[in-house]
């Protein structure tokens, strides 16, 4: 079993709806090493619950803050 298995396909399926309504997808990609520290998910931060160690780690929260900064930066540029 993969901790984040299946989440990528869910996100990719949601992208079609977001595009349809004129949204932008702003992922962290591999733009910062801290993405790897929280599991290396280039689609964004994800946390799996229902398994041992529930809840986000410090690395996940740092990744989430970085993603928030990245979204704000892209929004400023688009504006």
C-alpha atoms as a PDB file:
ATOM      1  CA  UNK A   1       0.000   0.000   0.000  1.00  0.00           C
ATOM      2  CA  UNK A   2       1.276   3.459  -0.901  1.00  0.00           C
ATOM      3  CA  UNK A   3       0.543   6.223   1.619  1.00  0.00           C
ATOM      4  CA  UNK A   4      -0.493   8.710  -1.059  1.00  0.00           C
ATOM      5  CA  UNK A   5      -1.573   6.187  -3.691  1.00  0.00           C
ATOM      6  CA  UNK A   6      -4.534   7.327  -5.733  1.00  0.00           C
ATOM      7  CA  UNK A   7      -4.424  10.966  -4.698  1.00  0.00           C
ATOM      8  CA  UNK A   8      -2.711  11.990  -7.921  1.00  0.00           C
ATOM      9  CA  UNK A   9      -5.438  10.522 -10.092  1.00  0.00           C
ATOM     10  CA  UNK A  10      -8.091  12.255  -7.993  1.00  0.00           C
ATOM     11  CA  UNK A  11      -6.361  15.609  -8.454  1.00  0.00           C
ATOM     12  CA  UNK A  12      -5.909  15.080 -12.177  1.00  0.00           C
ATOM     13  CA  UNK A  13      -9.626  14.312 -12.512  1.00  0.00           C
ATOM     14  CA  UNK A  14     -10.519  17.491 -10.593  1.00  0.00           C
ATOM     15  CA  UNK A  15      -8.316  19.597 -12.867  1.00  0.00           C
ATOM     16  CA  UNK A  16     -10.835  19.251 -15.704  1.00  0.00           C
ATOM     17  CA  UNK A  17     -13.560  20.848 -13.584  1.00  0.00           C
ATOM     18  CA  UNK A  18     -11.257  23.619 -12.430  1.00  0.00           C
ATOM     19  CA  UNK A  19     -10.228  24.430 -16.014  1.00  0.00           C
ATOM     20  CA  UNK A  20     -13.852  24.337 -17.135  1.00  0.00           C
ATOM     21  CA  UNK A  21     -14.748  27.093 -14.666  1.00  0.00           C
ATOM     22  CA  UNK A  22     -11.713  29.234 -15.574  1.00  0.00           C
ATOM     23  CA  UNK A  23      -9.528  28.309 -12.644  1.00  0.00           C
ATOM     24  CA  UNK A  24      -5.762  28.166 -12.454  1.00  0.00           C
ATOM     25  CA  UNK A  25      -3.788  25.235 -11.104  1.00  0.00           C
ATOM     26  CA  UNK A  26      -0.841  26.393  -8.995  1.00  0.00           C
ATOM     27  CA  UNK A  27       1.181  23.453  -7.788  1.00  0.00           C
ATOM     28  CA  UNK A  28       4.534  23.589  -6.015  1.00  0.00           C
ATOM     29  CA  UNK A  29       6.082  21.231  -8.556  1.00  0.00           C
ATOM     30  CA  UNK A  30       9.662  20.628  -7.524  1.00  0.00           C
ATOM     31  CA  UNK A  31      10.437  24.316  -6.984  1.00  0.00           C
ATOM     32  CA  UNK A  32      11.810  23.958  -3.448  1.00  0.00           C
ATOM     33  CA  UNK A  33      13.633  21.194  -1.529  1.00  0.00           C
ATOM     34  CA  UNK A  34      11.054  21.303   1.266  1.00  0.00           C
ATOM     35  CA  UNK A  35       8.587  19.631  -1.131  1.00  0.00           C
ATOM     36  CA  UNK A  36      10.717  16.480  -0.815  1.00  0.00           C
ATOM     37  CA  UNK A  37      10.816  16.789   2.980  1.00  0.00           C
ATOM     38  CA  UNK A  38       7.054  16.287   3.160  1.00  0.00           C
ATOM     39  CA  UNK A  39       6.940  13.328   0.806  1.00  0.00           C
ATOM     40  CA  UNK A  40       7.781  14.854  -2.565  1.00  0.00           C
ATOM     41  CA  UNK A  41       4.249  15.348  -3.876  1.00  0.00           C
ATOM     42  CA  UNK A  42       4.557  17.796  -6.825  1.00  0.00           C
ATOM     43  CA  UNK A  43       0.768  18.300  -6.919  1.00  0.00           C
ATOM     44  CA  UNK A  44       0.605  19.951  -3.509  1.00  0.00           C
ATOM     45  CA  UNK A  45       0.457  19.093   0.140  1.00  0.00           C
ATOM     46  CA  UNK A  46      -1.382  15.929   1.132  1.00  0.00           C
ATOM     47  CA  UNK A  47      -1.900  14.179   4.425  1.00  0.00           C
ATOM     48  CA  UNK A  48      -3.299  10.689   4.790  1.00  0.00           C
ATOM     49  CA  UNK A  49      -5.519  10.079   7.797  1.00  0.00           C
ATOM     50  CA  UNK A  50      -6.713   6.811   9.202  1.00  0.00           C
ATOM     51  CA  UNK A  51      -3.204   5.424   9.373  1.00  0.00           C
ATOM     52  CA  UNK A  52      -0.630   5.435  12.128  1.00  0.00           C
ATOM     53  CA  UNK A  53       0.679   8.936  12.812  1.00  0.00           C
ATOM     54  CA  UNK A  54      -2.532  10.770  11.836  1.00  0.00           C
ATOM     55  CA  UNK A  55      -2.338  14.438  11.051  1.00  0.00           C
ATOM     56  CA  UNK A  56       0.148  16.662   9.307  1.00  0.00           C
ATOM     57  CA  UNK A  57       3.809  16.640  10.233  1.00  0.00           C
ATOM     58  CA  UNK A  58       5.896  19.772  10.668  1.00  0.00           C
ATOM     59  CA  UNK A  59       7.278  19.142   7.160  1.00  0.00           C
ATOM     60  CA  UNK A  60       3.705  18.979   5.784  1.00  0.00           C
ATOM     61  CA  UNK A  61       2.813  22.293   7.438  1.00  0.00           C
ATOM     62  CA  UNK A  62       5.986  23.919   6.086  1.00  0.00           C
ATOM     63  CA  UNK A  63       5.106  22.611   2.614  1.00  0.00           C
ATOM     64  CA  UNK A  64       1.563  24.012   2.996  1.00  0.00           C
ATOM     65  CA  UNK A  65       2.911  27.454   3.912  1.00  0.00           C
ATOM     66  CA  UNK A  66       5.214  27.364   0.915  1.00  0.00           C
ATOM     67  CA  UNK A  67       2.318  26.421  -1.369  1.00  0.00           C
ATOM     68  CA  UNK A  68       0.274  29.305   0.059  1.00  0.00           C
ATOM     69  CA  UNK A  69       3.101  31.731  -0.714  1.00  0.00           C
ATOM     70  CA  UNK A  70       3.391  30.324  -4.221  1.00  0.00           C
ATOM     71  CA  UNK A  71      -0.352  30.714  -4.872  1.00  0.00           C
ATOM     72  CA  UNK A  72      -0.229  34.327  -3.604  1.00  0.00           C
ATOM     73  CA  UNK A  73       2.784  35.047  -5.841  1.00  0.00           C
ATOM     74  CA  UNK A  74       1.055  33.661  -8.943  1.00  0.00           C
ATOM     75  CA  UNK A  75      -2.159  35.547  -8.083  1.00  0.00           C
ATOM     76  CA  UNK A  76      -0.197  38.821  -7.872  1.00  0.00           C
ATOM     77  CA  UNK A  77       1.331  38.139 -11.296  1.00  0.00           C
ATOM     78  CA  UNK A  78      -2.022  37.249 -12.892  1.00  0.00           C
ATOM     79  CA  UNK A  79      -3.758  40.235 -11.387  1.00  0.00           C
END
